[in-house]
Amino acid sequence: MVSNMKHQNIVKKMDEKIEINRSYETLDGEDDVLLLGKATFTVGRFKELAASKLSEILGIYVVKNDRSREGIIISWMNELRINEETIISGGDINWNSPQEGIDCQVLKIGSKGWQTGKLQIEINKNIKSGKTQTSIKFCPEEPLEQKSPLDDIRQSEEYKKLSNNN
């Protein structure tokens, strides 16, 4: 009984490592569609909303009395004072979704249908410039058919001529 439980735990840990090491691709199509639960978004709109929400969480918006929280938060994060001689300038604030990914579906422009898989989100906010960069990555449960590197060659006119001559 104990041995069986150990075996199950080992298999579970191996499955978790495999899940974490899945191959994610960046979703570059701004008009591709994400389905998260019952909510749908274009990739572009989702990036905007995620970046906006991070800024809101950081308090980078004007408060009712026209004082910005930005100054307070940015001053806290602008530099890391280890001691009087050691001051390290701040760079970016990074926020990442869970490494195991978020269940979702993606509908890419030109695809045959929805793909089920995992989503990862990464938001980087530069402290000094205030600019935000958002990256959305997707890993399908079942990868699309892999295209052979030779497929392009096989479609070329030169290849067709050569294969007809043999």
Foldseek 3Di string as FASTA:
>chain_A
DVVVVVVVVVVVVVVQVVLLPFDKDWDPQQQKWKFAPNDIDRNVVVQVVVLVVVCVVLQQDADPVRDGCLVVSLVVQQWDDPDPVDIGGHFKDKDKDDSSFGWIWIGDVPDPDIFTWGKMKMWIATSPVRDIDIIIITGGPDDDPDDDPCPVVCPDPVNVVVVVVD
